[in-house]
């Protein structure tokens, strides 16, 4: 969490009252949460409705579960949360590049809500949102974009073309347990009663909402993150590694790398001992030891996918951090070659 987000959460706790209560303290809390809501929407450049949730997983569940459509379609490389939210959805394949197959999309999206990540949480591959939206809307469907990984101000046409957008605070330096579902038109979503204008039950999380807005108010240095990832990509390749989807447009702060001959679990242990926190697959499933469904959908063998780790950068990651990681990664690579010899 950013210092500003932590301070805002503390402020929210100090002034806590139920924002739905009619008394003076409740009205003050309501005013504060509405300012936070407006700030969150403005940071993303969103002009539609903003429903505060517990995070992107709940936002996806609301959109997939309550959108007023006949069918659900989920791309094969979506986060596990989308599959859990729509277990009966049609799965839409991708190419070896990780991109949605537009021909399949055209056949699949008739009258459906289609869930697509802005950038894949494992590989960082970014989808052509404007083109996908064009196909989905031409078929009378709705587009749900999982933008949990998307920095504010880096939307690639998401805000202009999506019908629903799922976002999350903890990816952006805000507190855990808060996110939002951005909705173009509430008429496309069935209400459930309760708070959030009747679209999400539960007492509003004022401290977390203030923290989320505060984090978004401090822009992330996307250009700096991109330079760091490009530097790491180059070093991995020079050291005999493989960059997943190297030729595709990717998230500025997510890289997916294979070290042939070394299991991802071994890499995680070695890197953790060296002081680096990385994962195999998305953080939500990296402890399951299952091979990545994302890499499988892209045509990777199970053996190869079990040698891939995910590396991401945050606001505090420095060039020195990346250089130290490169040294640790090269040390692993040399150790494997020495053992093999």
C-alpha atoms as a PDB file:
ATOM      1  CA  UNK A   1       0.000   0.000   0.000  1.00  0.00           C
ATOM      2  CA  UNK A   2       1.125   3.523  -0.712  1.00  0.00           C
ATOM      3  CA  UNK A   3       1.649   5.849   2.263  1.00  0.00           C
ATOM      4  CA  UNK A   4      -1.258   7.985   1.018  1.00  0.00           C
ATOM      5  CA  UNK A   5      -3.546   4.944   0.924  1.00  0.00           C
ATOM      6  CA  UNK A   6      -2.567   3.894   4.454  1.00  0.00           C
ATOM      7  CA  UNK A   7      -3.217   7.424   5.733  1.00  0.00           C
ATOM      8  CA  UNK A   8      -6.610   7.535   4.015  1.00  0.00           C
ATOM      9  CA  UNK A   9      -7.616   4.182   5.529  1.00  0.00           C
ATOM     10  CA  UNK A  10      -6.659   5.471   8.977  1.00  0.00           C
ATOM     11  CA  UNK A  11      -8.716   8.615   8.350  1.00  0.00           C
ATOM     12  CA  UNK A  12     -11.695   6.478   7.360  1.00  0.00           C
ATOM     13  CA  UNK A  13     -11.406   4.388  10.501  1.00  0.00           C
ATOM     14  CA  UNK A  14     -11.255   7.510  12.656  1.00  0.00           C
ATOM     15  CA  UNK A  15     -14.456   8.918  11.146  1.00  0.00           C
ATOM     16  CA  UNK A  16     -16.235   5.575  10.767  1.00  0.00           C
ATOM     17  CA  UNK A  17     -20.007   5.524  10.805  1.00  0.00           C
ATOM     18  CA  UNK A  18     -22.418   3.496   8.711  1.00  0.00           C
ATOM     19  CA  UNK A  19     -22.788   5.428   5.436  1.00  0.00           C
ATOM     20  CA  UNK A  20     -26.382   4.221   5.160  1.00  0.00           C
ATOM     21  CA  UNK A  21     -27.417   5.696   8.520  1.00  0.00           C
ATOM     22  CA  UNK A  22     -29.479   8.902   8.464  1.00  0.00           C
ATOM     23  CA  UNK A  23     -27.809  10.625  11.432  1.00  0.00           C
ATOM     24  CA  UNK A  24     -25.144  13.318  11.078  1.00  0.00           C
ATOM     25  CA  UNK A  25     -22.186  10.951  11.380  1.00  0.00           C
ATOM     26  CA  UNK A  26     -23.735   8.602   8.837  1.00  0.00           C
ATOM     27  CA  UNK A  27     -24.342  11.485   6.437  1.00  0.00           C
ATOM     28  CA  UNK A  28     -20.714  12.578   6.798  1.00  0.00           C
ATOM     29  CA  UNK A  29     -19.573   9.032   6.058  1.00  0.00           C
ATOM     30  CA  UNK A  30     -21.898   8.919   3.034  1.00  0.00           C
ATOM     31  CA  UNK A  31     -20.435  12.153   1.706  1.00  0.00           C
ATOM     32  CA  UNK A  32     -16.906  10.778   2.150  1.00  0.00           C
ATOM     33  CA  UNK A  33     -17.639   7.500   0.392  1.00  0.00           C
ATOM     34  CA  UNK A  34     -19.305   9.309  -2.507  1.00  0.00           C
ATOM     35  CA  UNK A  35     -16.223  11.515  -2.887  1.00  0.00           C
ATOM     36  CA  UNK A  36     -14.113   8.354  -2.947  1.00  0.00           C
ATOM     37  CA  UNK A  37     -16.413   6.755  -5.516  1.00  0.00           C
ATOM     38  CA  UNK A  38     -16.156   9.824  -7.743  1.00  0.00           C
ATOM     39  CA  UNK A  39     -12.376   9.876  -7.349  1.00  0.00           C
ATOM     40  CA  UNK A  40     -12.055   6.197  -8.290  1.00  0.00           C
ATOM     41  CA  UNK A  41     -14.183   6.693 -11.410  1.00  0.00           C
ATOM     42  CA  UNK A  42     -12.324   9.846 -12.424  1.00  0.00           C
ATOM     43  CA  UNK A  43      -8.920   8.178 -12.044  1.00  0.00           C
ATOM     44  CA  UNK A  44      -9.971   5.490 -14.528  1.00  0.00           C
ATOM     45  CA  UNK A  45     -11.661   7.996 -16.814  1.00  0.00           C
ATOM     46  CA  UNK A  46     -15.022   6.280 -16.298  1.00  0.00           C
ATOM     47  CA  UNK A  47     -18.240   8.203 -16.874  1.00  0.00           C
ATOM     48  CA  UNK A  48     -20.770   5.451 -16.144  1.00  0.00           C
ATOM     49  CA  UNK A  49     -21.884   3.934 -12.843  1.00  0.00           C
ATOM     50  CA  UNK A  50     -19.456   2.712 -10.166  1.00  0.00           C
ATOM     51  CA  UNK A  51     -20.473  -0.111  -7.826  1.00  0.00           C
ATOM     52  CA  UNK A  52     -18.031  -0.603  -4.955  1.00  0.00           C
ATOM     53  CA  UNK A  53     -17.238  -4.274  -4.260  1.00  0.00           C
ATOM     54  CA  UNK A  54     -14.801  -6.378  -2.237  1.00  0.00           C
ATOM     55  CA  UNK A  55     -12.471  -6.731  -5.226  1.00  0.00           C
ATOM     56  CA  UNK A  56     -12.244  -7.819  -8.847  1.00  0.00           C
ATOM     57  CA  UNK A  57     -13.386 -11.380  -8.119  1.00  0.00           C
ATOM     58  CA  UNK A  58     -16.697 -10.168  -6.733  1.00  0.00           C
ATOM     59  CA  UNK A  59     -17.021  -7.637  -9.555  1.00  0.00           C
ATOM     60  CA  UNK A  60     -16.629 -10.427 -12.108  1.00  0.00           C
ATOM     61  CA  UNK A  61     -19.160 -12.563 -10.247  1.00  0.00           C
ATOM     62  CA  UNK A  62     -21.736  -9.765 -10.238  1.00  0.00           C
ATOM     63  CA  UNK A  63     -21.332  -9.010 -13.945  1.00  0.00           C
ATOM     64  CA  UNK A  64     -21.257 -12.647 -15.060  1.00  0.00           C
ATOM     65  CA  UNK A  65     -23.989 -13.743 -12.693  1.00  0.00           C
ATOM     66  CA  UNK A  66     -26.453 -10.893 -13.018  1.00  0.00           C
ATOM     67  CA  UNK A  67     -25.995  -9.340 -16.469  1.00  0.00           C
ATOM     68  CA  UNK A  68     -29.267  -9.525 -18.391  1.00  0.00           C
ATOM     69  CA  UNK A  69     -28.186 -11.775 -21.247  1.00  0.00           C
ATOM     70  CA  UNK A  70     -28.893 -15.333 -22.306  1.00  0.00           C
ATOM     71  CA  UNK A  71     -25.346 -16.690 -22.379  1.00  0.00           C
ATOM     72  CA  UNK A  72     -21.876 -16.339 -20.848  1.00  0.00           C
ATOM     73  CA  UNK A  73     -18.624 -16.599 -22.788  1.00  0.00           C
ATOM     74  CA  UNK A  74     -15.198 -16.617 -21.116  1.00  0.00           C
ATOM     75  CA  UNK A  75     -11.856 -16.639 -22.903  1.00  0.00           C
ATOM     76  CA  UNK A  76      -9.655 -19.674 -22.237  1.00  0.00           C
ATOM     77  CA  UNK A  77      -6.953 -17.537 -20.604  1.00  0.00           C
ATOM     78  CA  UNK A  78      -9.123 -15.739 -18.034  1.00  0.00           C
ATOM     79  CA  UNK A  79      -8.405 -15.597 -14.320  1.00  0.00           C
ATOM     80  CA  UNK A  80      -9.816 -18.502 -12.309  1.00  0.00           C
ATOM     81  CA  UNK A  81     -12.308 -16.078 -10.741  1.00  0.00           C
ATOM     82  CA  UNK A  82     -14.150 -15.779 -14.059  1.00  0.00           C
ATOM     83  CA  UNK A  83     -14.443 -19.544 -14.442  1.00  0.00           C
ATOM     84  CA  UNK A  84     -15.724 -19.867 -10.877  1.00  0.00           C
ATOM     85  CA  UNK A  85     -18.266 -17.111 -11.476  1.00  0.00           C
ATOM     86  CA  UNK A  86     -19.564 -18.696 -14.686  1.00  0.00           C
ATOM     87  CA  UNK A  87     -18.938 -22.468 -14.500  1.00  0.00           C
ATOM     88  CA  UNK A  88     -21.339 -23.142 -17.376  1.00  0.00           C
ATOM     89  CA  UNK A  89     -19.894 -20.478 -19.682  1.00  0.00           C
ATOM     90  CA  UNK A  90     -18.731 -21.233 -23.194  1.00  0.00           C
ATOM     91  CA  UNK A  91     -14.928 -21.195 -23.288  1.00  0.00           C
ATOM     92  CA  UNK A  92     -13.456 -19.230 -26.160  1.00  0.00           C
ATOM     93  CA  UNK A  93     -10.036 -20.304 -27.440  1.00  0.00           C
ATOM     94  CA  UNK A  94      -6.933 -18.214 -28.083  1.00  0.00           C
ATOM     95  CA  UNK A  95      -4.003 -18.488 -30.457  1.00  0.00           C
ATOM     96  CA  UNK A  96      -0.419 -19.325 -29.588  1.00  0.00           C
ATOM     97  CA  UNK A  97       0.077 -15.601 -29.065  1.00  0.00           C
ATOM     98  CA  UNK A  98      -2.484 -15.616 -26.259  1.00  0.00           C
ATOM     99  CA  UNK A  99      -4.892 -13.373 -28.153  1.00  0.00           C
ATOM    100  CA  UNK A 100      -8.600 -14.057 -28.493  1.00  0.00           C
ATOM    101  CA  UNK A 101      -9.495 -15.693 -31.812  1.00  0.00           C
ATOM    102  CA  UNK A 102     -11.738 -13.053 -33.388  1.00  0.00           C
ATOM    103  CA  UNK A 103     -13.358 -15.564 -35.760  1.00  0.00           C
ATOM    104  CA  UNK A 104     -14.371 -17.729 -32.798  1.00  0.00           C
ATOM    105  CA  UNK A 105     -15.463 -14.616 -30.915  1.00  0.00           C
ATOM    106  CA  UNK A 106     -17.774 -13.609 -33.754  1.00  0.00           C
ATOM    107  CA  UNK A 107     -19.477 -17.006 -33.677  1.00  0.00           C
ATOM    108  CA  UNK A 108     -19.657 -17.181 -29.878  1.00  0.00           C
ATOM    109  CA  UNK A 109     -20.799 -13.758 -28.712  1.00  0.00           C
ATOM    110  CA  UNK A 110     -24.338 -13.602 -30.094  1.00  0.00           C
ATOM    111  CA  UNK A 111     -26.470 -12.216 -27.257  1.00  0.00           C
ATOM    112  CA  UNK A 112     -23.821 -13.080 -24.671  1.00  0.00           C
ATOM    113  CA  UNK A 113     -21.682 -11.371 -22.081  1.00  0.00           C
ATOM    114  CA  UNK A 114     -18.057 -11.947 -23.061  1.00  0.00           C
ATOM    115  CA  UNK A 115     -15.333 -11.825 -20.375  1.00  0.00           C
ATOM    116  CA  UNK A 116     -11.826 -10.844 -21.475  1.00  0.00           C
ATOM    117  CA  UNK A 117      -8.831  -9.659 -19.454  1.00  0.00           C
ATOM    118  CA  UNK A 118      -7.252  -6.348 -20.428  1.00  0.00           C
ATOM    119  CA  UNK A 119      -3.888  -7.930 -19.723  1.00  0.00           C
ATOM    120  CA  UNK A 120      -3.394 -11.538 -18.741  1.00  0.00           C
ATOM    121  CA  UNK A 121      -2.443 -11.891 -15.104  1.00  0.00           C
ATOM    122  CA  UNK A 122       0.191 -14.550 -15.867  1.00  0.00           C
ATOM    123  CA  UNK A 123       1.729 -13.632 -19.221  1.00  0.00           C
ATOM    124  CA  UNK A 124       0.898  -9.935 -19.385  1.00  0.00           C
ATOM    125  CA  UNK A 125      -0.500 -10.300 -22.932  1.00  0.00           C
ATOM    126  CA  UNK A 126      -2.851  -7.405 -23.712  1.00  0.00           C
ATOM    127  CA  UNK A 127      -5.996  -8.014 -25.716  1.00  0.00           C
ATOM    128  CA  UNK A 128      -7.169  -5.714 -28.568  1.00  0.00           C
ATOM    129  CA  UNK A 129     -10.127  -4.392 -26.581  1.00  0.00           C
ATOM    130  CA  UNK A 130     -11.501  -2.002 -29.208  1.00  0.00           C
ATOM    131  CA  UNK A 131     -11.596  -4.722 -31.881  1.00  0.00           C
ATOM    132  CA  UNK A 132     -13.102  -7.257 -29.467  1.00  0.00           C
ATOM    133  CA  UNK A 133     -15.785  -4.755 -28.442  1.00  0.00           C
ATOM    134  CA  UNK A 134     -16.631  -4.102 -32.076  1.00  0.00           C
ATOM    135  CA  UNK A 135     -17.235  -7.804 -32.701  1.00  0.00           C
ATOM    136  CA  UNK A 136     -19.163  -8.370 -29.464  1.00  0.00           C
ATOM    137  CA  UNK A 137     -21.437  -5.370 -29.923  1.00  0.00           C
ATOM    138  CA  UNK A 138     -22.113  -6.228 -33.564  1.00  0.00           C
ATOM    139  CA  UNK A 139     -23.401  -9.599 -32.309  1.00  0.00           C
ATOM    140  CA  UNK A 140     -25.670  -7.939 -29.756  1.00  0.00           C
ATOM    141  CA  UNK A 141     -23.473  -8.922 -26.820  1.00  0.00           C
ATOM    142  CA  UNK A 142     -21.954  -7.165 -23.817  1.00  0.00           C
ATOM    143  CA  UNK A 143     -18.231  -6.898 -23.075  1.00  0.00           C
ATOM    144  CA  UNK A 144     -16.867  -7.455 -19.567  1.00  0.00           C
ATOM    145  CA  UNK A 145     -13.207  -6.486 -19.178  1.00  0.00           C
ATOM    146  CA  UNK A 146     -11.202  -7.802 -16.229  1.00  0.00           C
ATOM    147  CA  UNK A 147      -8.946  -4.787 -15.722  1.00  0.00           C
ATOM    148  CA  UNK A 148      -7.601  -5.692 -12.282  1.00  0.00           C
ATOM    149  CA  UNK A 149      -4.074  -5.540 -13.685  1.00  0.00           C
ATOM    150  CA  UNK A 150      -4.576  -2.212 -15.498  1.00  0.00           C
ATOM    151  CA  UNK A 151      -2.895   0.925 -14.118  1.00  0.00           C
ATOM    152  CA  UNK A 152      -5.189   3.933 -14.074  1.00  0.00           C
ATOM    153  CA  UNK A 153      -4.535   6.050 -17.144  1.00  0.00           C
ATOM    154  CA  UNK A 154      -3.393   3.082 -19.255  1.00  0.00           C
ATOM    155  CA  UNK A 155      -6.717   1.839 -20.552  1.00  0.00           C
ATOM    156  CA  UNK A 156      -6.137   0.848 -24.220  1.00  0.00           C
ATOM    157  CA  UNK A 157      -9.744   1.745 -25.122  1.00  0.00           C
ATOM    158  CA  UNK A 158     -11.186  -0.195 -22.181  1.00  0.00           C
ATOM    159  CA  UNK A 159     -13.160   2.724 -20.788  1.00  0.00           C
ATOM    160  CA  UNK A 160     -14.474   3.766 -24.180  1.00  0.00           C
ATOM    161  CA  UNK A 161     -15.685   0.337 -25.281  1.00  0.00           C
ATOM    162  CA  UNK A 162     -16.421  -1.969 -22.322  1.00  0.00           C
ATOM    163  CA  UNK A 163     -19.903  -2.450 -20.873  1.00  0.00           C
ATOM    164  CA  UNK A 164     -18.525  -3.700 -17.546  1.00  0.00           C
ATOM    165  CA  UNK A 165     -15.044  -3.277 -16.071  1.00  0.00           C
ATOM    166  CA  UNK A 166     -13.766  -5.123 -12.994  1.00  0.00           C
ATOM    167  CA  UNK A 167     -11.012  -3.349 -11.028  1.00  0.00           C
ATOM    168  CA  UNK A 168      -9.253  -3.936  -7.724  1.00  0.00           C
ATOM    169  CA  UNK A 169      -7.442  -1.701  -5.224  1.00  0.00           C
ATOM    170  CA  UNK A 170      -4.653  -3.955  -4.010  1.00  0.00           C
ATOM    171  CA  UNK A 171      -3.177  -4.175  -7.520  1.00  0.00           C
ATOM    172  CA  UNK A 172      -2.824  -0.399  -7.560  1.00  0.00           C
ATOM    173  CA  UNK A 173      -1.258   0.285  -4.175  1.00  0.00           C
ATOM    174  CA  UNK A 174      -4.568   0.472  -2.340  1.00  0.00           C
ATOM    175  CA  UNK A 175      -5.873  -1.706   0.499  1.00  0.00           C
ATOM    176  CA  UNK A 176      -7.085  -5.289   0.090  1.00  0.00           C
ATOM    177  CA  UNK A 177     -10.790  -6.025   0.216  1.00  0.00           C
ATOM    178  CA  UNK A 178     -12.019  -3.209  -2.018  1.00  0.00           C
ATOM    179  CA  UNK A 179     -12.647  -2.969  -5.747  1.00  0.00           C
ATOM    180  CA  UNK A 180     -15.305  -1.815  -8.140  1.00  0.00           C
ATOM    181  CA  UNK A 181     -17.521  -2.901 -10.976  1.00  0.00           C
ATOM    182  CA  UNK A 182     -17.776  -0.108 -13.521  1.00  0.00           C
ATOM    183  CA  UNK A 183     -21.117  -0.352 -15.330  1.00  0.00           C
ATOM    184  CA  UNK A 184     -22.019   1.415 -18.576  1.00  0.00           C
ATOM    185  CA  UNK A 185     -25.781   0.995 -18.138  1.00  0.00           C
ATOM    186  CA  UNK A 186     -27.431  -0.291 -14.971  1.00  0.00           C
ATOM    187  CA  UNK A 187     -30.352  -1.523 -17.085  1.00  0.00           C
ATOM    188  CA  UNK A 188     -28.070  -4.373 -18.276  1.00  0.00           C
ATOM    189  CA  UNK A 189     -27.618  -5.634 -14.694  1.00  0.00           C
ATOM    190  CA  UNK A 190     -30.243  -7.267 -12.463  1.00  0.00           C
ATOM    191  CA  UNK A 191     -30.411  -5.631  -9.005  1.00  0.00           C
ATOM    192  CA  UNK A 192     -30.059  -7.696  -5.830  1.00  0.00           C
ATOM    193  CA  UNK A 193     -31.319  -5.267  -3.203  1.00  0.00           C
ATOM    194  CA  UNK A 194     -29.381  -3.720  -0.345  1.00  0.00           C
ATOM    195  CA  UNK A 195     -26.680  -1.086  -0.639  1.00  0.00           C
ATOM    196  CA  UNK A 196     -24.910   0.336  -3.700  1.00  0.00           C
ATOM    197  CA  UNK A 197     -28.192   1.543  -5.209  1.00  0.00           C
ATOM    198  CA  UNK A 198     -29.573  -1.960  -4.781  1.00  0.00           C
ATOM    199  CA  UNK A 199     -26.843  -3.744  -6.743  1.00  0.00           C
ATOM    200  CA  UNK A 200     -24.621  -5.008  -3.919  1.00  0.00           C
ATOM    201  CA  UNK A 201     -25.627  -5.864  -0.371  1.00  0.00           C
ATOM    202  CA  UNK A 202     -23.439  -5.201   2.659  1.00  0.00           C
ATOM    203  CA  UNK A 203     -22.301  -2.240   4.736  1.00  0.00           C
ATOM    204  CA  UNK A 204     -20.019  -0.059   2.642  1.00  0.00           C
ATOM    205  CA  UNK A 205     -16.301  -0.233   3.426  1.00  0.00           C
ATOM    206  CA  UNK A 206     -15.572   3.459   3.920  1.00  0.00           C
ATOM    207  CA  UNK A 207     -11.910   3.179   5.059  1.00  0.00           C
ATOM    208  CA  UNK A 208     -10.976   0.936   2.147  1.00  0.00           C
ATOM    209  CA  UNK A 209     -12.815   3.124  -0.388  1.00  0.00           C
ATOM    210  CA  UNK A 210     -10.878   6.160   0.829  1.00  0.00           C
ATOM    211  CA  UNK A 211      -7.637   4.201   0.579  1.00  0.00           C
ATOM    212  CA  UNK A 212      -8.430   3.061  -2.970  1.00  0.00           C
ATOM    213  CA  UNK A 213      -9.168   6.609  -4.131  1.00  0.00           C
ATOM    214  CA  UNK A 214      -5.988   7.890  -2.490  1.00  0.00           C
ATOM    215  CA  UNK A 215      -3.826   5.253  -4.184  1.00  0.00           C
ATOM    216  CA  UNK A 216      -5.280   5.986  -7.616  1.00  0.00           C
ATOM    217  CA  UNK A 217      -4.732   9.716  -7.118  1.00  0.00           C
ATOM    218  CA  UNK A 218      -0.977   9.064  -7.300  1.00  0.00           C
ATOM    219  CA  UNK A 219      -0.239   7.912 -10.885  1.00  0.00           C
ATOM    220  CA  UNK A 220       2.057   4.956 -11.457  1.00  0.00           C
ATOM    221  CA  UNK A 221       5.166   5.473 -13.576  1.00  0.00           C
ATOM    222  CA  UNK A 222       4.187   3.224 -16.465  1.00  0.00           C
ATOM    223  CA  UNK A 223       7.140   4.234 -18.631  1.00  0.00           C
ATOM    224  CA  UNK A 224       9.610   3.324 -15.879  1.00  0.00           C
ATOM    225  CA  UNK A 225       7.958  -0.065 -15.379  1.00  0.00           C
ATOM    226  CA  UNK A 226       8.094  -0.727 -19.116  1.00  0.00           C
ATOM    227  CA  UNK A 227      11.813   0.044 -19.214  1.00  0.00           C
ATOM    228  CA  UNK A 228      12.438  -2.340 -16.319  1.00  0.00           C
ATOM    229  CA  UNK A 229      10.479  -5.146 -17.968  1.00  0.00           C
ATOM    230  CA  UNK A 230      12.249  -4.654 -21.299  1.00  0.00           C
ATOM    231  CA  UNK A 231      15.600  -4.748 -19.482  1.00  0.00           C
ATOM    232  CA  UNK A 232      14.627  -7.996 -17.765  1.00  0.00           C
ATOM    233  CA  UNK A 233      13.268  -9.530 -20.992  1.00  0.00           C
ATOM    234  CA  UNK A 234      16.568  -8.851 -22.745  1.00  0.00           C
ATOM    235  CA  UNK A 235      18.649 -10.300 -19.922  1.00  0.00           C
ATOM    236  CA  UNK A 236      16.532 -13.443 -19.684  1.00  0.00           C
ATOM    237  CA  UNK A 237      16.955 -14.137 -23.399  1.00  0.00           C
ATOM    238  CA  UNK A 238      20.717 -13.449 -23.268  1.00  0.00           C
ATOM    239  CA  UNK A 239      20.980 -15.944 -20.407  1.00  0.00           C
ATOM    240  CA  UNK A 240      19.278 -18.774 -22.274  1.00  0.00           C
ATOM    241  CA  UNK A 241      15.746 -18.242 -21.003  1.00  0.00           C
ATOM    242  CA  UNK A 242      12.480 -17.851 -22.860  1.00  0.00           C
ATOM    243  CA  UNK A 243      10.147 -14.860 -22.642  1.00  0.00           C
ATOM    244  CA  UNK A 244       6.515 -15.962 -22.959  1.00  0.00           C
ATOM    245  CA  UNK A 245       4.692 -14.100 -25.765  1.00  0.00           C
ATOM    246  CA  UNK A 246       7.717 -11.907 -26.322  1.00  0.00           C
ATOM    247  CA  UNK A 247       6.383 -10.490 -29.592  1.00  0.00           C
ATOM    248  CA  UNK A 248       3.015  -9.382 -28.199  1.00  0.00           C
ATOM    249  CA  UNK A 249       1.907  -6.135 -26.611  1.00  0.00           C
ATOM    250  CA  UNK A 250       2.190  -6.874 -22.905  1.00  0.00           C
ATOM    251  CA  UNK A 251       1.561  -5.364 -19.510  1.00  0.00           C
ATOM    252  CA  UNK A 252       4.292  -2.855 -18.605  1.00  0.00           C
ATOM    253  CA  UNK A 253       4.950  -4.581 -15.290  1.00  0.00           C
ATOM    254  CA  UNK A 254       4.346  -8.317 -15.880  1.00  0.00           C
ATOM    255  CA  UNK A 255       6.789 -10.796 -17.391  1.00  0.00           C
ATOM    256  CA  UNK A 256       6.502 -14.566 -17.748  1.00  0.00           C
ATOM    257  CA  UNK A 257       9.765 -16.485 -18.141  1.00  0.00           C
ATOM    258  CA  UNK A 258      10.854 -20.054 -18.727  1.00  0.00           C
ATOM    259  CA  UNK A 259      14.187 -21.453 -17.541  1.00  0.00           C
ATOM    260  CA  UNK A 260      14.475 -24.766 -19.424  1.00  0.00           C
ATOM    261  CA  UNK A 261      15.466 -27.648 -17.195  1.00  0.00           C
ATOM    262  CA  UNK A 262      14.483 -26.008 -13.908  1.00  0.00           C
ATOM    263  CA  UNK A 263      11.068 -26.561 -12.341  1.00  0.00           C
ATOM    264  CA  UNK A 264       9.170 -23.417 -11.425  1.00  0.00           C
ATOM    265  CA  UNK A 265       8.911 -24.635  -7.824  1.00  0.00           C
ATOM    266  CA  UNK A 266      12.711 -24.883  -7.639  1.00  0.00           C
ATOM    267  CA  UNK A 267      13.032 -21.400  -9.094  1.00  0.00           C
ATOM    268  CA  UNK A 268      10.575 -19.999  -6.550  1.00  0.00           C
ATOM    269  CA  UNK A 269      12.496 -21.523  -3.652  1.00  0.00           C
ATOM    270  CA  UNK A 270      15.880 -20.299  -4.910  1.00  0.00           C
ATOM    271  CA  UNK A 271      14.603 -16.809  -5.637  1.00  0.00           C
ATOM    272  CA  UNK A 272      12.741 -16.595  -2.336  1.00  0.00           C
ATOM    273  CA  UNK A 273      15.956 -17.461  -0.509  1.00  0.00           C
ATOM    274  CA  UNK A 274      17.627 -14.657  -2.466  1.00  0.00           C
ATOM    275  CA  UNK A 275      14.954 -12.222  -1.321  1.00  0.00           C
ATOM    276  CA  UNK A 276      12.696 -12.131  -4.394  1.00  0.00           C
ATOM    277  CA  UNK A 277       8.949 -12.731  -4.260  1.00  0.00           C
ATOM    278  CA  UNK A 278       7.722 -14.225  -7.553  1.00  0.00           C
ATOM    279  CA  UNK A 279       5.060 -16.765  -8.451  1.00  0.00           C
ATOM    280  CA  UNK A 280       4.186 -19.580 -10.818  1.00  0.00           C
ATOM    281  CA  UNK A 281       0.969 -18.601 -12.567  1.00  0.00           C
ATOM    282  CA  UNK A 282      -1.382 -16.154 -10.880  1.00  0.00           C
ATOM    283  CA  UNK A 283      -1.028 -15.620  -7.134  1.00  0.00           C
ATOM    284  CA  UNK A 284      -4.545 -17.032  -6.592  1.00  0.00           C
ATOM    285  CA  UNK A 285      -3.581 -20.432  -8.005  1.00  0.00           C
ATOM    286  CA  UNK A 286       0.210 -20.636  -7.660  1.00  0.00           C
ATOM    287  CA  UNK A 287      -0.056 -22.822  -4.559  1.00  0.00           C
ATOM    288  CA  UNK A 288      -2.188 -25.435  -6.280  1.00  0.00           C
ATOM    289  CA  UNK A 289       0.725 -27.039  -8.191  1.00  0.00           C
ATOM    290  CA  UNK A 290      -1.571 -27.405 -11.219  1.00  0.00           C
ATOM    291  CA  UNK A 291      -0.053 -26.611 -14.624  1.00  0.00           C
ATOM    292  CA  UNK A 292      -1.068 -23.213 -15.980  1.00  0.00           C
ATOM    293  CA  UNK A 293      -4.346 -23.293 -17.894  1.00  0.00           C
ATOM    294  CA  UNK A 294      -3.223 -20.086 -19.604  1.00  0.00           C
ATOM    295  CA  UNK A 295      -0.093 -21.641 -21.092  1.00  0.00           C
ATOM    296  CA  UNK A 296      -2.023 -24.802 -21.979  1.00  0.00           C
ATOM    297  CA  UNK A 297      -4.541 -22.694 -23.926  1.00  0.00           C
ATOM    298  CA  UNK A 298      -1.598 -21.118 -25.782  1.00  0.00           C
ATOM    299  CA  UNK A 299      -0.344 -24.554 -26.813  1.00  0.00           C
ATOM    300  CA  UNK A 300       2.441 -25.046 -24.277  1.00  0.00           C
ATOM    301  CA  UNK A 301       3.198 -28.566 -23.119  1.00  0.00           C
ATOM    302  CA  UNK A 302       2.699 -29.370 -19.448  1.00  0.00           C
ATOM    303  CA  UNK A 303       6.433 -30.041 -19.035  1.00  0.00           C
ATOM    304  CA  UNK A 304       7.411 -26.657 -20.479  1.00  0.00           C
ATOM    305  CA  UNK A 305       4.736 -24.755 -18.571  1.00  0.00           C
ATOM    306  CA  UNK A 306       6.022 -26.203 -15.288  1.00  0.00           C
ATOM    307  CA  UNK A 307       9.295 -24.343 -15.902  1.00  0.00           C
ATOM    308  CA  UNK A 308       7.682 -20.893 -16.152  1.00  0.00           C
ATOM    309  CA  UNK A 309       7.585 -18.232 -13.456  1.00  0.00           C
ATOM    310  CA  UNK A 310       5.745 -14.910 -13.318  1.00  0.00           C
ATOM    311  CA  UNK A 311       7.619 -11.745 -12.382  1.00  0.00           C
ATOM    312  CA  UNK A 312       5.945  -8.404 -11.752  1.00  0.00           C
ATOM    313  CA  UNK A 313       7.017  -4.915 -10.714  1.00  0.00           C
ATOM    314  CA  UNK A 314       5.399  -2.493  -8.300  1.00  0.00           C
ATOM    315  CA  UNK A 315       5.619   1.185  -7.518  1.00  0.00           C
ATOM    316  CA  UNK A 316       8.738   0.692  -5.391  1.00  0.00           C
ATOM    317  CA  UNK A 317      10.666  -1.616  -7.746  1.00  0.00           C
ATOM    318  CA  UNK A 318      13.959  -0.019  -8.784  1.00  0.00           C
ATOM    319  CA  UNK A 319      16.535  -0.629 -11.471  1.00  0.00           C
ATOM    320  CA  UNK A 320      18.846  -1.946  -8.746  1.00  0.00           C
ATOM    321  CA  UNK A 321      16.183  -4.514  -7.782  1.00  0.00           C
ATOM    322  CA  UNK A 322      15.945  -5.728 -11.380  1.00  0.00           C
ATOM    323  CA  UNK A 323      19.720  -5.941 -11.758  1.00  0.00           C
ATOM    324  CA  UNK A 324      19.931  -8.016  -8.569  1.00  0.00           C
ATOM    325  CA  UNK A 325      17.170 -10.288  -9.847  1.00  0.00           C
ATOM    326  CA  UNK A 326      19.037 -10.783 -13.122  1.00  0.00           C
ATOM    327  CA  UNK A 327      22.138 -11.845 -11.192  1.00  0.00           C
ATOM    328  CA  UNK A 328      20.072 -14.343  -9.171  1.00  0.00           C
ATOM    329  CA  UNK A 329      18.396 -15.708 -12.311  1.00  0.00           C
ATOM    330  CA  UNK A 330      21.715 -16.113 -14.125  1.00  0.00           C
ATOM    331  CA  UNK A 331      23.143 -17.897 -11.091  1.00  0.00           C
ATOM    332  CA  UNK A 332      20.295 -20.417 -11.327  1.00  0.00           C
ATOM    333  CA  UNK A 333      20.873 -20.874 -15.054  1.00  0.00           C
ATOM    334  CA  UNK A 334      24.612 -21.467 -14.596  1.00  0.00           C
ATOM    335  CA  UNK A 335      23.972 -23.965 -11.804  1.00  0.00           C
ATOM    336  CA  UNK A 336      21.729 -26.012 -14.069  1.00  0.00           C
ATOM    337  CA  UNK A 337      24.228 -26.049 -16.898  1.00  0.00           C
ATOM    338  CA  UNK A 338      27.048 -27.053 -14.533  1.00  0.00           C
ATOM    339  CA  UNK A 339      24.958 -29.881 -13.088  1.00  0.00           C
ATOM    340  CA  UNK A 340      23.965 -31.093 -16.560  1.00  0.00           C
ATOM    341  CA  UNK A 341      27.584 -31.119 -17.686  1.00  0.00           C
END
